Amino acid sequence: MKQLGSYESEMSEQELQAEIERLRAENEKLKNKGVRALSLKVSEKGAVSLYGIGRFPVTLYKEQWAKILGMAREIEAFIRENDHLLKAKE
């Protein structure tokens, strides 16, 4: 193995430290990736898929979404009334 001079080994150490910092930053970015914006797509079968809520999309046909959206006030009231029983995902 080739012997490195003191300057070369110091540079190598600095490069290693820079790479560690880069990887830490990348790791932190990946951890925060879970906080994604919501997005919608049309599925292969013609349904509406909502991404960004959990690990998997919520996919329903347009009539199902219309029923849920039509109940928005009732859902909000139910959540308020049962807030003490409900858990929040952190």
C-alpha atoms as a PDB file:
ATOM      1  CA  MET A   1       0.000   0.000   0.000  1.00  0.00           C
ATOM      2  CA  LYS A   2       1.260   3.471  -0.816  1.00  0.00           C
ATOM      3  CA  GLN A   3       2.272   5.626   2.141  1.00  0.00           C
ATOM      4  CA  LEU A   4       0.543   9.008   2.216  1.00  0.00           C
ATOM      5  CA  GLY A   5       2.383  12.150   3.211  1.00  0.00           C
ATOM      6  CA  SER A   6       1.016  14.226   6.104  1.00  0.00           C
ATOM      7  CA  TYR A   7      -0.619  16.779   3.751  1.00  0.00           C
ATOM      8  CA  GLU A   8      -2.294  14.062   1.692  1.00  0.00           C
ATOM      9  CA  SER A   9      -3.630  12.239   4.764  1.00  0.00           C
ATOM     10  CA  GLU A  10      -4.901  15.540   6.192  1.00  0.00           C
ATOM     11  CA  MET A  11      -6.733  16.278   2.963  1.00  0.00           C
ATOM     12  CA  SER A  12      -8.119  12.784   3.019  1.00  0.00           C
ATOM     13  CA  GLU A  13      -9.386  13.357   6.564  1.00  0.00           C
ATOM     14  CA  GLN A  14     -10.987  16.646   5.507  1.00  0.00           C
ATOM     15  CA  GLU A  15     -12.640  14.945   2.556  1.00  0.00           C
ATOM     16  CA  LEU A  16     -13.936  12.230   4.866  1.00  0.00           C
ATOM     17  CA  GLN A  17     -15.395  14.828   7.224  1.00  0.00           C
ATOM     18  CA  ALA A  18     -17.009  16.647   4.292  1.00  0.00           C
ATOM     19  CA  GLU A  19     -18.519  13.378   3.062  1.00  0.00           C
ATOM     20  CA  ILE A  20     -19.856  12.576   6.543  1.00  0.00           C
ATOM     21  CA  GLU A  21     -21.497  16.008   6.730  1.00  0.00           C
ATOM     22  CA  ARG A  22     -22.976  15.572   3.246  1.00  0.00           C
ATOM     23  CA  LEU A  23     -24.393  12.169   4.214  1.00  0.00           C
ATOM     24  CA  ARG A  24     -25.825  13.546   7.467  1.00  0.00           C
ATOM     25  CA  ALA A  25     -27.573  16.309   5.547  1.00  0.00           C
ATOM     26  CA  GLU A  26     -28.910  13.805   3.020  1.00  0.00           C
ATOM     27  CA  ASN A  27     -30.115  11.529   5.840  1.00  0.00           C
ATOM     28  CA  GLU A  28     -31.932  14.430   7.512  1.00  0.00           C
ATOM     29  CA  LYS A  29     -33.544  15.355   4.205  1.00  0.00           C
ATOM     30  CA  LEU A  30     -34.778  11.785   3.759  1.00  0.00           C
ATOM     31  CA  LYS A  31     -36.184  11.737   7.297  1.00  0.00           C
ATOM     32  CA  ASN A  32     -38.161  14.904   6.578  1.00  0.00           C
ATOM     33  CA  LYS A  33     -39.386  13.527   3.269  1.00  0.00           C
ATOM     34  CA  GLY A  34     -42.335  11.974   5.137  1.00  0.00           C
ATOM     35  CA  VAL A  35     -43.779  15.460   5.373  1.00  0.00           C
ATOM     36  CA  ARG A  36     -44.937  15.588   1.785  1.00  0.00           C
ATOM     37  CA  ALA A  37     -47.510  17.719   0.106  1.00  0.00           C
ATOM     38  CA  LEU A  38     -50.774  16.083  -0.831  1.00  0.00           C
ATOM     39  CA  SER A  39     -51.254  15.170  -4.471  1.00  0.00           C
ATOM     40  CA  LEU A  40     -53.915  13.567  -6.631  1.00  0.00           C
ATOM     41  CA  LYS A  41     -53.615  11.153  -9.540  1.00  0.00           C
ATOM     42  CA  VAL A  42     -55.987   9.163 -11.699  1.00  0.00           C
ATOM     43  CA  SER A  43     -55.437   5.447 -11.099  1.00  0.00           C
ATOM     44  CA  GLU A  44     -55.157   2.837 -13.849  1.00  0.00           C
ATOM     45  CA  LYS A  45     -58.790   1.891 -13.225  1.00  0.00           C
ATOM     46  CA  GLY A  46     -60.033   5.476 -13.427  1.00  0.00           C
ATOM     47  CA  ALA A  47     -60.336   6.198  -9.715  1.00  0.00           C
ATOM     48  CA  VAL A  48     -58.903   9.153  -7.790  1.00  0.00           C
ATOM     49  CA  SER A  49     -55.826   8.422  -5.667  1.00  0.00           C
ATOM     50  CA  LEU A  50     -54.828  10.796  -2.870  1.00  0.00           C
ATOM     51  CA  TYR A  51     -51.114  10.610  -2.040  1.00  0.00           C
ATOM     52  CA  GLY A  52     -49.295  12.015   0.983  1.00  0.00           C
ATOM     53  CA  ILE A  53     -51.656  10.950   3.776  1.00  0.00           C
ATOM     54  CA  GLY A  54     -49.871   7.735   4.676  1.00  0.00           C
ATOM     55  CA  ARG A  55     -47.625   5.084   3.264  1.00  0.00           C
ATOM     56  CA  PHE A  56     -50.166   4.084   0.624  1.00  0.00           C
ATOM     57  CA  PRO A  57     -52.560   6.261  -1.377  1.00  0.00           C
ATOM     58  CA  VAL A  58     -56.255   6.492  -0.580  1.00  0.00           C
ATOM     59  CA  THR A  59     -58.012   5.466  -3.802  1.00  0.00           C
ATOM     60  CA  LEU A  60     -61.746   5.845  -4.339  1.00  0.00           C
ATOM     61  CA  TYR A  61     -64.014   6.304  -7.345  1.00  0.00           C
ATOM     62  CA  LYS A  62     -65.426   9.776  -7.963  1.00  0.00           C
ATOM     63  CA  GLU A  63     -68.850   8.857  -6.558  1.00  0.00           C
ATOM     64  CA  GLN A  64     -67.219   7.709  -3.321  1.00  0.00           C
ATOM     65  CA  TRP A  65     -65.213  10.938  -3.048  1.00  0.00           C
ATOM     66  CA  ALA A  66     -68.407  12.938  -3.703  1.00  0.00           C
ATOM     67  CA  LYS A  67     -70.183  11.146  -0.819  1.00  0.00           C
ATOM     68  CA  ILE A  68     -67.283  11.805   1.547  1.00  0.00           C
ATOM     69  CA  LEU A  69     -66.937  15.447   0.506  1.00  0.00           C
ATOM     70  CA  GLY A  70     -70.692  15.863   0.936  1.00  0.00           C
ATOM     71  CA  MET A  71     -70.275  14.753   4.552  1.00  0.00           C
ATOM     72  CA  ALA A  72     -67.400  17.164   5.288  1.00  0.00           C
ATOM     73  CA  ARG A  73     -69.369  19.134   7.915  1.00  0.00           C
ATOM     74  CA  GLU A  74     -70.528  15.971   9.657  1.00  0.00           C
ATOM     75  CA  ILE A  75     -66.999  14.539   9.661  1.00  0.00           C
ATOM     76  CA  GLU A  76     -65.563  17.758  11.100  1.00  0.00           C
ATOM     77  CA  ALA A  77     -68.273  17.844  13.803  1.00  0.00           C
ATOM     78  CA  PHE A  78     -67.672  14.186  14.645  1.00  0.00           C
ATOM     79  CA  ILE A  79     -63.935  14.813  15.026  1.00  0.00           C
ATOM     80  CA  ARG A  80     -64.584  17.811  17.298  1.00  0.00           C
ATOM     81  CA  GLU A  81     -67.058  15.860  19.442  1.00  0.00           C
ATOM     82  CA  ASN A  82     -64.720  12.886  19.773  1.00  0.00           C
ATOM     83  CA  ASP A  83     -61.443  14.764  19.967  1.00  0.00           C
ATOM     84  CA  HIS A  84     -60.766  13.460  23.471  1.00  0.00           C
ATOM     85  CA  LEU A  85     -60.907   9.871  22.164  1.00  0.00           C
ATOM     86  CA  LEU A  86     -58.895  10.397  19.001  1.00  0.00           C
ATOM     87  CA  LYS A  87     -55.135  10.133  18.655  1.00  0.00           C
ATOM     88  CA  ALA A  88     -53.012  12.329  16.427  1.00  0.00           C
ATOM     89  CA  LYS A  89     -50.284  10.947  14.221  1.00  0.00           C
ATOM     90  CA  GLU A  90     -47.048  12.761  14.982  1.00  0.00           C
END
